[in-house]
């Protein structure tokens, strides 16, 4: 059995200000974000024995991965498909801006797609094969996967088989996904 330790990146200025980034690929961590990454590295070292870190290409995730890798002496692999959900026309707007969209359905938020962006369903289709590939490639290893809130929500839905109660992790929040011969176990919030 392997364990995939999903970690959301540390706080960025967009998270702090609750604004979708206008340039999401190069948004850095805040000072708090670096402290969060240091703390999560310590916790991972206490709970697991990972052999590898896989990270999103986006700066806030790769910087979080770099802090964890430095603390634990681990190699890093970059996985471009782990990038955050493309929010399209909502770049630069508040996190709550989608609530005013006429086609947004609060009963099915995963289905809503911003103009020029992705729905959570599309994010799931993009990132689920990455998780499946990592689970298959590392059957007896712990692997840390550093990504984003939307990616982690989509991965939760993939593993659980449902969007109901899909967890949205806070900055440097962790979710454990165990995988064995019978497939995935229920995701666990750490």
N, C-alpha and C. Protein backbone atom coordinates (compact mmCIF):
# COMPACT_ATOMS: atom_id res chain seq x y z
N UNK A 1 0.84 -1.19 0.00
CA UNK A 1 0.00 0.00 0.00
C UNK A 1 0.88 1.24 0.00
N UNK A 2 0.46 2.23 -0.78
CA UNK A 2 1.17 3.50 -0.75
C UNK A 2 0.28 4.59 -0.18
N UNK A 3 0.93 5.66 0.22
CA UNK A 3 0.21 6.80 0.77
C UNK A 3 0.59 8.03 -0.04
N UNK A 4 -0.43 8.72 -0.51
CA UNK A 4 -0.24 9.96 -1.23
C UNK A 4 -0.68 11.08 -0.29
N UNK A 5 0.26 11.92 0.07
CA UNK A 5 0.00 13.00 1.03
C UNK A 5 -0.21 14.27 0.22
N UNK A 6 -1.46 14.67 0.07
CA UNK A 6 -1.78 15.88 -0.68
C UNK A 6 -1.62 17.09 0.22
N UNK A 7 -0.92 18.10 -0.26
CA UNK A 7 -0.67 19.32 0.51
C UNK A 7 -1.04 20.52 -0.36
N UNK A 8 -1.87 21.39 0.19
CA UNK A 8 -2.13 22.64 -0.50
C UNK A 8 -0.97 23.59 -0.21
N UNK A 9 -0.61 24.40 -1.17
CA UNK A 9 0.48 25.37 -1.00
C UNK A 9 0.22 26.32 0.17
N UNK A 10 1.28 26.96 0.64
CA UNK A 10 1.16 27.97 1.69
C UNK A 10 0.45 29.22 1.17
N UNK A 11 0.15 30.11 2.09
CA UNK A 11 -0.59 31.32 1.75
C UNK A 11 0.14 32.16 0.70
N UNK A 12 -0.62 32.62 -0.29
CA UNK A 12 -0.13 33.58 -1.28
C UNK A 12 -0.84 34.91 -1.01
N UNK A 13 -0.41 35.97 -1.69
CA UNK A 13 -1.09 37.25 -1.50
C UNK A 13 -2.54 37.17 -1.98
N UNK A 14 -2.80 36.38 -3.00
CA UNK A 14 -4.17 36.19 -3.48
C UNK A 14 -5.05 35.55 -2.42
N UNK A 15 -4.50 34.55 -1.71
CA UNK A 15 -5.24 33.93 -0.61
C UNK A 15 -5.49 34.94 0.50
N UNK A 16 -4.46 35.68 0.85
CA UNK A 16 -4.57 36.66 1.93
C UNK A 16 -5.65 37.70 1.62
N UNK A 17 -5.67 38.16 0.36
CA UNK A 17 -6.60 39.21 -0.04
C UNK A 17 -7.93 38.67 -0.57
N UNK A 18 -8.05 37.34 -0.67
CA UNK A 18 -9.25 36.65 -1.17
C UNK A 18 -9.62 37.13 -2.57
N UNK A 19 -8.59 37.18 -3.42
CA UNK A 19 -8.74 37.62 -4.81
C UNK A 19 -8.14 36.55 -5.72
N UNK A 20 -8.84 36.21 -6.80
CA UNK A 20 -8.27 35.32 -7.81
C UNK A 20 -7.12 36.05 -8.48
N UNK A 21 -5.99 35.40 -8.59
CA UNK A 21 -4.78 36.02 -9.14
C UNK A 21 -4.96 36.41 -10.60
N UNK A 22 -4.38 37.55 -10.98
CA UNK A 22 -4.38 37.95 -12.39
C UNK A 22 -3.29 37.20 -13.15
N UNK A 23 -2.26 36.80 -12.45
CA UNK A 23 -1.16 36.03 -13.05
C UNK A 23 -0.89 34.84 -12.12
N UNK A 24 -1.75 33.81 -12.16
CA UNK A 24 -1.70 32.75 -11.16
C UNK A 24 -0.44 31.89 -11.17
N UNK A 25 0.27 31.84 -12.29
CA UNK A 25 1.44 30.98 -12.37
C UNK A 25 2.64 31.52 -11.60
N UNK A 26 2.73 32.83 -11.39
CA UNK A 26 3.92 33.37 -10.72
C UNK A 26 3.61 34.08 -9.41
N UNK A 27 2.50 33.74 -8.78
CA UNK A 27 2.12 34.33 -7.50
C UNK A 27 2.95 33.68 -6.38
N UNK A 28 3.79 34.45 -5.65
CA UNK A 28 4.65 33.85 -4.63
C UNK A 28 3.93 33.67 -3.29
N UNK A 29 4.61 32.98 -2.40
CA UNK A 29 4.13 32.83 -1.03
C UNK A 29 4.32 34.12 -0.25
N UNK A 30 3.48 34.33 0.74
CA UNK A 30 3.68 35.42 1.71
C UNK A 30 4.64 34.90 2.79
N UNK A 31 5.02 35.78 3.71
CA UNK A 31 5.85 35.34 4.84
C UNK A 31 5.13 34.25 5.62
N UNK A 32 3.82 34.44 5.84
CA UNK A 32 3.04 33.41 6.52
C UNK A 32 3.07 32.11 5.73
N UNK A 33 2.99 32.19 4.40
CA UNK A 33 3.03 31.01 3.55
C UNK A 33 4.31 30.21 3.74
N UNK A 34 5.44 30.91 3.87
CA UNK A 34 6.72 30.21 4.11
C UNK A 34 6.72 29.55 5.49
N UNK A 35 6.17 30.23 6.48
CA UNK A 35 6.09 29.62 7.82
C UNK A 35 5.18 28.38 7.79
N UNK A 36 4.06 28.48 7.08
CA UNK A 36 3.16 27.33 6.96
C UNK A 36 3.87 26.16 6.29
N UNK A 37 4.65 26.43 5.25
CA UNK A 37 5.37 25.37 4.55
C UNK A 37 6.39 24.71 5.48
N UNK A 38 7.06 25.50 6.29
CA UNK A 38 8.02 24.95 7.26
C UNK A 38 7.32 24.06 8.27
N UNK A 39 6.16 24.49 8.75
CA UNK A 39 5.40 23.71 9.72
C UNK A 39 4.87 22.41 9.12
N UNK A 40 4.36 22.47 7.89
CA UNK A 40 3.83 21.25 7.27
C UNK A 40 4.97 20.27 6.98
N UNK A 41 6.15 20.78 6.64
CA UNK A 41 7.31 19.90 6.43
C UNK A 41 7.63 19.14 7.71
N UNK A 42 7.60 19.85 8.82
CA UNK A 42 7.86 19.22 10.12
C UNK A 42 6.83 18.13 10.40
N UNK A 43 5.58 18.43 10.15
CA UNK A 43 4.50 17.46 10.41
C UNK A 43 4.61 16.24 9.50
N UNK A 44 4.93 16.47 8.25
CA UNK A 44 5.11 15.35 7.32
C UNK A 44 6.25 14.46 7.80
N UNK A 45 7.35 15.07 8.23
CA UNK A 45 8.49 14.30 8.74
C UNK A 45 8.16 13.48 9.96
N UNK A 46 7.24 13.97 10.78
CA UNK A 46 6.82 13.23 11.98
C UNK A 46 5.89 12.07 11.66
N UNK A 47 5.04 12.24 10.64
CA UNK A 47 4.00 11.25 10.35
C UNK A 47 4.34 10.25 9.25
N UNK A 48 5.23 10.63 8.33
CA UNK A 48 5.45 9.82 7.13
C UNK A 48 6.95 9.70 6.83
N UNK A 49 7.24 8.82 5.88
CA UNK A 49 8.60 8.66 5.37
C UNK A 49 8.57 8.77 3.84
N UNK A 50 8.25 9.97 3.34
CA UNK A 50 8.13 10.12 1.88
C UNK A 50 9.49 9.97 1.19
N UNK A 51 9.42 9.57 -0.06
CA UNK A 51 10.63 9.41 -0.88
C UNK A 51 10.69 10.42 -2.01
N UNK A 52 9.58 11.14 -2.23
CA UNK A 52 9.49 12.02 -3.38
C UNK A 52 8.43 13.09 -3.12
N UNK A 53 8.65 14.26 -3.73
CA UNK A 53 7.64 15.32 -3.75
C UNK A 53 7.33 15.61 -5.21
N UNK A 54 6.04 15.64 -5.52
CA UNK A 54 5.57 16.01 -6.85
C UNK A 54 4.79 17.31 -6.67
N UNK A 55 5.07 18.29 -7.52
CA UNK A 55 4.47 19.61 -7.34
C UNK A 55 3.92 20.20 -8.62
N UNK A 56 2.95 21.07 -8.44
CA UNK A 56 2.46 21.93 -9.51
C UNK A 56 3.59 22.84 -9.96
N UNK A 57 3.52 23.28 -11.18
CA UNK A 57 4.52 24.18 -11.73
C UNK A 57 4.34 25.62 -11.20
N UNK A 58 3.15 25.95 -10.69
CA UNK A 58 2.90 27.31 -10.20
C UNK A 58 3.82 27.63 -9.02
N UNK A 59 4.30 28.87 -8.98
CA UNK A 59 5.32 29.29 -8.03
C UNK A 59 4.92 29.03 -6.57
N UNK A 60 3.71 29.36 -6.18
CA UNK A 60 3.32 29.19 -4.77
C UNK A 60 3.37 27.72 -4.35
N UNK A 61 3.07 26.81 -5.26
CA UNK A 61 3.16 25.38 -4.96
C UNK A 61 4.61 24.90 -5.00
N UNK A 62 5.34 25.31 -6.03
CA UNK A 62 6.73 24.84 -6.13
C UNK A 62 7.60 25.39 -5.01
N UNK A 63 7.31 26.61 -4.54
CA UNK A 63 8.04 27.14 -3.39
C UNK A 63 7.70 26.36 -2.11
N UNK A 64 6.44 26.00 -1.94
CA UNK A 64 6.05 25.17 -0.80
C UNK A 64 6.77 23.83 -0.88
N UNK A 65 6.79 23.23 -2.06
CA UNK A 65 7.49 21.95 -2.26
C UNK A 65 8.98 22.09 -1.97
N UNK A 66 9.57 23.20 -2.38
CA UNK A 66 11.00 23.42 -2.14
C UNK A 66 11.31 23.48 -0.66
N UNK A 67 10.45 24.14 0.12
CA UNK A 67 10.65 24.21 1.57
C UNK A 67 10.55 22.81 2.19
N UNK A 68 9.54 22.06 1.78
CA UNK A 68 9.35 20.70 2.32
C UNK A 68 10.53 19.83 1.91
N UNK A 69 10.93 19.89 0.65
CA UNK A 69 12.05 19.08 0.16
C UNK A 69 13.34 19.41 0.89
N UNK A 70 13.58 20.70 1.14
CA UNK A 70 14.78 21.11 1.86
C UNK A 70 14.80 20.58 3.28
N UNK A 71 13.66 20.61 3.94
CA UNK A 71 13.59 20.14 5.33
C UNK A 71 13.74 18.62 5.42
N UNK A 72 13.26 17.91 4.42
CA UNK A 72 13.24 16.45 4.48
C UNK A 72 14.28 15.78 3.58
N UNK A 73 15.03 16.57 2.82
CA UNK A 73 16.05 16.02 1.94
C UNK A 73 15.49 15.16 0.82
N UNK A 74 14.44 15.66 0.16
CA UNK A 74 13.75 14.87 -0.87
C UNK A 74 13.89 15.49 -2.25
N UNK A 75 13.85 14.64 -3.29
CA UNK A 75 13.82 15.17 -4.65
C UNK A 75 12.43 15.69 -5.00
N UNK A 76 12.39 16.59 -5.97
CA UNK A 76 11.14 17.19 -6.44
C UNK A 76 10.96 16.87 -7.92
N UNK A 77 9.74 16.50 -8.27
CA UNK A 77 9.35 16.38 -9.68
C UNK A 77 8.22 17.38 -9.92
N UNK A 78 8.26 18.05 -11.06
CA UNK A 78 7.22 19.01 -11.42
C UNK A 78 6.21 18.32 -12.34
N UNK A 79 4.94 18.48 -12.03
CA UNK A 79 3.85 17.90 -12.82
C UNK A 79 2.96 19.04 -13.31
N UNK A 80 3.08 19.42 -14.57
CA UNK A 80 2.32 20.56 -15.10
C UNK A 80 0.80 20.43 -14.97
N UNK A 81 0.26 19.22 -15.00
CA UNK A 81 -1.19 19.04 -14.93
C UNK A 81 -1.77 19.35 -13.55
N UNK A 82 -0.92 19.50 -12.53
CA UNK A 82 -1.39 19.82 -11.18
C UNK A 82 -1.64 21.31 -10.97
N UNK A 83 -1.54 22.11 -12.03
CA UNK A 83 -1.79 23.56 -11.90
C UNK A 83 -3.23 23.79 -11.42
N UNK A 84 -3.43 24.96 -10.83
CA UNK A 84 -4.75 25.31 -10.29
C UNK A 84 -5.77 25.49 -11.41
N UNK A 85 -7.02 25.41 -11.00
CA UNK A 85 -8.15 25.64 -11.90
C UNK A 85 -8.00 26.99 -12.59
N UNK A 86 -8.22 27.01 -13.88
CA UNK A 86 -8.22 28.27 -14.63
C UNK A 86 -9.55 28.96 -14.36
N UNK A 87 -9.49 30.17 -13.81
CA UNK A 87 -10.69 30.88 -13.39
C UNK A 87 -11.16 31.87 -14.46
N UNK A 88 -10.40 32.00 -15.56
CA UNK A 88 -10.83 32.79 -16.72
C UNK A 88 -11.18 34.23 -16.40
N UNK A 89 -12.41 34.62 -16.73
CA UNK A 89 -12.85 36.01 -16.59
C UNK A 89 -12.90 36.49 -15.14
N UNK A 90 -12.71 35.60 -14.18
CA UNK A 90 -12.73 36.00 -12.78
C UNK A 90 -11.34 36.34 -12.22
N UNK A 91 -10.32 36.27 -13.07
CA UNK A 91 -8.99 36.69 -12.61
C UNK A 91 -9.06 38.13 -12.11
N UNK A 92 -8.44 38.37 -10.96
CA UNK A 92 -8.42 39.70 -10.38
C UNK A 92 -9.67 40.06 -9.60
N UNK A 93 -10.65 39.17 -9.56
CA UNK A 93 -11.91 39.44 -8.84
C UNK A 93 -11.92 38.68 -7.52
N UNK A 94 -12.85 39.04 -6.65
CA UNK A 94 -12.93 38.41 -5.33
C UNK A 94 -13.36 36.96 -5.46
N UNK A 95 -13.01 36.17 -4.45
CA UNK A 95 -13.39 34.75 -4.42
C UNK A 95 -14.91 34.58 -4.52
N UNK A 96 -15.67 35.54 -4.04
CA UNK A 96 -17.13 35.43 -4.04
C UNK A 96 -17.77 35.96 -5.33
N UNK A 97 -16.99 36.43 -6.27
CA UNK A 97 -17.54 37.06 -7.47
C UNK A 97 -18.41 36.11 -8.29
N UNK A 98 -18.14 34.83 -8.25
CA UNK A 98 -18.93 33.88 -9.05
C UNK A 98 -20.36 33.75 -8.55
N UNK A 99 -20.63 34.15 -7.31
CA UNK A 99 -21.98 34.03 -6.75
C UNK A 99 -22.99 34.90 -7.49
N UNK A 100 -22.52 35.91 -8.20
CA UNK A 100 -23.43 36.80 -8.94
C UNK A 100 -23.65 36.33 -10.38
N UNK A 101 -22.99 35.26 -10.78
CA UNK A 101 -23.15 34.75 -12.15
C UNK A 101 -24.50 34.06 -12.29
N UNK A 102 -25.24 34.39 -13.35
CA UNK A 102 -26.58 33.84 -13.54
C UNK A 102 -26.59 32.33 -13.76
N UNK A 103 -25.50 31.77 -14.27
CA UNK A 103 -25.46 30.33 -14.52
C UNK A 103 -24.81 29.53 -13.39
N UNK A 104 -24.46 30.20 -12.30
CA UNK A 104 -23.87 29.50 -11.16
C UNK A 104 -24.97 28.83 -10.35
N UNK A 105 -24.83 27.54 -10.09
CA UNK A 105 -25.80 26.77 -9.31
C UNK A 105 -25.14 26.34 -8.00
N UNK A 106 -25.53 26.93 -6.87
CA UNK A 106 -24.90 26.56 -5.59
C UNK A 106 -25.14 25.11 -5.19
N UNK A 107 -26.12 24.45 -5.84
CA UNK A 107 -26.36 23.03 -5.58
C UNK A 107 -25.36 22.14 -6.32
N UNK A 108 -24.74 22.68 -7.35
CA UNK A 108 -23.75 21.95 -8.14
C UNK A 108 -22.58 22.86 -8.49
N UNK A 109 -21.85 23.36 -7.51
CA UNK A 109 -20.76 24.31 -7.79
C UNK A 109 -19.65 23.70 -8.64
N UNK A 110 -19.49 22.40 -8.59
CA UNK A 110 -18.44 21.74 -9.36
C UNK A 110 -18.69 21.81 -10.87
N UNK A 111 -19.94 22.04 -11.27
CA UNK A 111 -20.30 22.05 -12.69
C UNK A 111 -20.13 23.43 -13.33
N UNK A 112 -20.05 24.50 -12.50
CA UNK A 112 -19.98 25.85 -13.05
C UNK A 112 -18.62 26.09 -13.70
N UNK A 113 -18.69 26.72 -14.87
CA UNK A 113 -17.48 27.02 -15.64
C UNK A 113 -17.43 28.51 -15.93
N UNK A 114 -16.43 29.21 -15.39
CA UNK A 114 -16.32 30.64 -15.71
C UNK A 114 -15.93 30.83 -17.18
N UNK A 115 -16.35 31.95 -17.76
CA UNK A 115 -15.98 32.25 -19.15
C UNK A 115 -14.46 32.22 -19.26
N UNK A 116 -13.95 31.41 -20.20
CA UNK A 116 -12.51 31.31 -20.41
C UNK A 116 -11.80 30.46 -19.37
N UNK A 117 -12.55 29.76 -18.53
CA UNK A 117 -11.94 28.97 -17.46
C UNK A 117 -12.35 27.52 -17.49
N UNK A 118 -12.18 26.86 -16.34
CA UNK A 118 -12.48 25.44 -16.19
C UNK A 118 -13.51 25.22 -15.09
N UNK A 119 -14.34 24.22 -15.27
CA UNK A 119 -15.19 23.76 -14.18
C UNK A 119 -14.36 22.82 -13.31
N UNK A 120 -14.83 22.54 -12.11
CA UNK A 120 -14.15 21.55 -11.28
C UNK A 120 -14.21 20.17 -11.91
N UNK A 121 -15.25 19.89 -12.66
CA UNK A 121 -15.36 18.62 -13.39
C UNK A 121 -14.20 18.50 -14.38
N UNK A 122 -13.90 19.58 -15.07
CA UNK A 122 -12.78 19.57 -16.02
C UNK A 122 -11.44 19.46 -15.30
N UNK A 123 -11.31 20.10 -14.15
CA UNK A 123 -10.08 19.97 -13.36
C UNK A 123 -9.90 18.51 -12.95
N UNK A 124 -10.97 17.89 -12.50
CA UNK A 124 -10.91 16.47 -12.10
C UNK A 124 -10.43 15.60 -13.28
N UNK A 125 -10.97 15.84 -14.46
CA UNK A 125 -10.56 15.06 -15.63
C UNK A 125 -9.08 15.25 -15.96
N UNK A 126 -8.54 16.42 -15.65
CA UNK A 126 -7.14 16.72 -15.90
C UNK A 126 -6.21 16.12 -14.86
N UNK A 127 -6.61 16.17 -13.57
CA UNK A 127 -5.69 15.78 -12.49
C UNK A 127 -5.85 14.35 -12.02
N UNK A 128 -7.01 13.74 -12.20
CA UNK A 128 -7.21 12.35 -11.75
C UNK A 128 -6.20 11.39 -12.37
N UNK A 129 -5.89 11.49 -13.67
CA UNK A 129 -4.89 10.58 -14.23
C UNK A 129 -3.51 10.74 -13.60
N UNK A 130 -3.18 11.94 -13.13
CA UNK A 130 -1.90 12.16 -12.46
C UNK A 130 -1.87 11.36 -11.16
N UNK A 131 -2.93 11.46 -10.37
CA UNK A 131 -2.99 10.72 -9.11
C UNK A 131 -2.94 9.21 -9.37
N UNK A 132 -3.71 8.76 -10.34
CA UNK A 132 -3.72 7.33 -10.66
C UNK A 132 -2.33 6.86 -11.09
N UNK A 133 -1.65 7.65 -11.89
CA UNK A 133 -0.29 7.30 -12.33
C UNK A 133 0.69 7.25 -11.16
N UNK A 134 0.60 8.22 -10.25
CA UNK A 134 1.48 8.21 -9.08
C UNK A 134 1.21 7.01 -8.19
N UNK A 135 -0.06 6.69 -7.99
CA UNK A 135 -0.42 5.53 -7.17
C UNK A 135 0.14 4.25 -7.78
N UNK A 136 0.05 4.12 -9.09
CA UNK A 136 0.55 2.91 -9.76
C UNK A 136 2.08 2.87 -9.79
N UNK A 137 2.73 4.01 -9.96
CA UNK A 137 4.19 4.05 -10.08
C UNK A 137 4.92 3.90 -8.75
N UNK A 138 4.23 4.15 -7.64
CA UNK A 138 4.88 4.11 -6.32
C UNK A 138 4.05 3.24 -5.37
N UNK A 139 3.92 1.93 -5.66
CA UNK A 139 3.01 1.09 -4.88
C UNK A 139 3.37 0.91 -3.41
N UNK A 140 4.63 1.10 -3.06
CA UNK A 140 5.05 0.89 -1.67
C UNK A 140 5.76 2.10 -1.08
N UNK A 141 5.45 3.28 -1.59
CA UNK A 141 6.14 4.49 -1.14
C UNK A 141 5.15 5.56 -0.74
N UNK A 142 5.60 6.42 0.15
CA UNK A 142 4.86 7.63 0.48
C UNK A 142 5.33 8.72 -0.48
N UNK A 143 4.38 9.43 -1.07
CA UNK A 143 4.68 10.51 -2.01
C UNK A 143 3.89 11.74 -1.58
N UNK A 144 4.57 12.87 -1.48
CA UNK A 144 3.93 14.15 -1.17
C UNK A 144 3.56 14.81 -2.49
N UNK A 145 2.31 15.28 -2.58
CA UNK A 145 1.83 15.94 -3.79
C UNK A 145 1.39 17.35 -3.40
N UNK A 146 2.14 18.36 -3.85
CA UNK A 146 1.85 19.75 -3.50
C UNK A 146 1.11 20.40 -4.67
N UNK A 147 -0.09 20.90 -4.37
CA UNK A 147 -0.87 21.52 -5.43
C UNK A 147 -1.71 22.67 -4.87
N UNK A 148 -2.97 22.70 -5.25
CA UNK A 148 -3.83 23.85 -5.00
C UNK A 148 -5.18 23.40 -4.44
N UNK A 149 -5.93 24.36 -3.89
CA UNK A 149 -7.22 24.05 -3.30
C UNK A 149 -8.18 23.40 -4.27
N UNK A 150 -8.32 23.96 -5.47
CA UNK A 150 -9.23 23.39 -6.46
C UNK A 150 -8.81 22.01 -6.92
N UNK A 151 -7.51 21.82 -7.06
CA UNK A 151 -6.98 20.51 -7.46
C UNK A 151 -7.27 19.48 -6.37
N UNK A 152 -7.03 19.86 -5.12
CA UNK A 152 -7.27 18.92 -4.03
C UNK A 152 -8.75 18.57 -3.90
N UNK A 153 -9.63 19.53 -4.10
CA UNK A 153 -11.07 19.25 -4.08
C UNK A 153 -11.44 18.27 -5.18
N UNK A 154 -10.89 18.48 -6.37
CA UNK A 154 -11.16 17.58 -7.50
C UNK A 154 -10.60 16.19 -7.25
N UNK A 155 -9.42 16.10 -6.65
CA UNK A 155 -8.84 14.79 -6.34
C UNK A 155 -9.66 14.06 -5.28
N UNK A 156 -10.15 14.80 -4.29
CA UNK A 156 -11.03 14.20 -3.27
C UNK A 156 -12.25 13.57 -3.95
N UNK A 157 -12.89 14.34 -4.86
CA UNK A 157 -14.07 13.83 -5.56
C UNK A 157 -13.72 12.59 -6.39
N UNK A 158 -12.55 12.59 -7.00
CA UNK A 158 -12.11 11.44 -7.79
C UNK A 158 -11.98 10.19 -6.92
N UNK A 159 -11.31 10.34 -5.79
CA UNK A 159 -11.06 9.20 -4.91
C UNK A 159 -12.35 8.74 -4.23
N UNK A 160 -13.16 9.69 -3.77
CA UNK A 160 -14.40 9.36 -3.07
C UNK A 160 -15.51 8.93 -4.03
N UNK A 161 -15.36 9.28 -5.31
CA UNK A 161 -16.38 8.92 -6.29
C UNK A 161 -17.60 9.83 -6.26
N UNK A 162 -17.48 10.97 -5.59
CA UNK A 162 -18.62 11.88 -5.45
C UNK A 162 -18.12 13.28 -5.11
N UNK A 163 -18.88 14.28 -5.55
CA UNK A 163 -18.59 15.66 -5.18
C UNK A 163 -19.18 16.01 -3.83
N UNK A 164 -20.10 15.21 -3.33
CA UNK A 164 -20.71 15.48 -2.03
C UNK A 164 -19.63 15.47 -0.95
N UNK A 165 -19.59 16.52 -0.16
CA UNK A 165 -18.64 16.65 0.95
C UNK A 165 -17.18 16.66 0.51
N UNK A 166 -16.90 17.02 -0.74
CA UNK A 166 -15.51 17.14 -1.19
C UNK A 166 -14.83 18.22 -0.36
N UNK A 167 -13.70 17.88 0.20
CA UNK A 167 -12.99 18.75 1.14
C UNK A 167 -12.21 19.83 0.40
N UNK A 168 -12.30 21.04 0.93
CA UNK A 168 -11.50 22.16 0.44
C UNK A 168 -10.45 22.48 1.51
N UNK A 169 -9.21 22.17 1.23
CA UNK A 169 -8.14 22.30 2.22
C UNK A 169 -7.72 23.76 2.41
N UNK A 170 -7.37 24.14 3.64
CA UNK A 170 -6.79 25.47 3.87
C UNK A 170 -5.34 25.48 3.40
N UNK A 171 -4.72 26.64 3.42
CA UNK A 171 -3.31 26.71 3.04
C UNK A 171 -2.48 25.77 3.91
N UNK A 172 -1.67 24.96 3.25
CA UNK A 172 -0.83 23.91 3.85
C UNK A 172 -1.65 22.86 4.59
N UNK A 173 -2.93 22.77 4.28
CA UNK A 173 -3.74 21.67 4.77
C UNK A 173 -3.33 20.39 4.06
N UNK A 174 -3.53 19.25 4.74
CA UNK A 174 -3.12 17.97 4.18
C UNK A 174 -4.30 17.01 4.10
N UNK A 175 -4.28 16.19 3.07
CA UNK A 175 -5.25 15.11 2.89
C UNK A 175 -4.44 13.85 2.59
N UNK A 176 -4.77 12.78 3.27
CA UNK A 176 -4.09 11.50 3.05
C UNK A 176 -4.96 10.62 2.16
N UNK A 177 -4.34 10.09 1.13
CA UNK A 177 -5.01 9.13 0.25
C UNK A 177 -4.17 7.86 0.23
N UNK A 178 -4.75 6.79 0.72
CA UNK A 178 -4.08 5.49 0.70
C UNK A 178 -4.57 4.70 -0.50
N UNK A 179 -3.65 3.95 -1.11
CA UNK A 179 -3.97 3.18 -2.30
C UNK A 179 -3.33 1.80 -2.18
N UNK A 180 -4.12 0.79 -2.45
CA UNK A 180 -3.63 -0.58 -2.41
C UNK A 180 -4.26 -1.41 -3.50
N UNK A 181 -4.14 -2.73 -3.40
CA UNK A 181 -4.68 -3.63 -4.43
C UNK A 181 -6.19 -3.46 -4.66
N UNK A 182 -6.91 -3.04 -3.63
CA UNK A 182 -8.37 -2.84 -3.76
C UNK A 182 -8.73 -1.46 -4.26
N UNK A 183 -7.73 -0.62 -4.54
CA UNK A 183 -7.99 0.74 -5.00
C UNK A 183 -7.77 1.75 -3.89
N UNK A 184 -8.47 2.87 -3.99
CA UNK A 184 -8.30 3.95 -3.03
C UNK A 184 -9.17 3.74 -1.80
N UNK A 185 -8.62 4.10 -0.65
CA UNK A 185 -9.40 4.18 0.57
C UNK A 185 -10.03 5.58 0.64
N UNK A 186 -10.99 5.76 1.52
CA UNK A 186 -11.62 7.08 1.69
C UNK A 186 -10.56 8.11 2.09
N UNK A 187 -10.57 9.29 1.45
CA UNK A 187 -9.60 10.34 1.81
C UNK A 187 -9.77 10.75 3.27
N UNK A 188 -8.64 11.12 3.88
CA UNK A 188 -8.66 11.54 5.28
C UNK A 188 -8.03 12.92 5.42
N UNK A 189 -8.70 13.81 6.13
CA UNK A 189 -8.15 15.12 6.43
C UNK A 189 -7.17 14.95 7.59
N UNK A 190 -5.97 15.49 7.42
CA UNK A 190 -4.96 15.41 8.49
C UNK A 190 -4.85 16.73 9.22
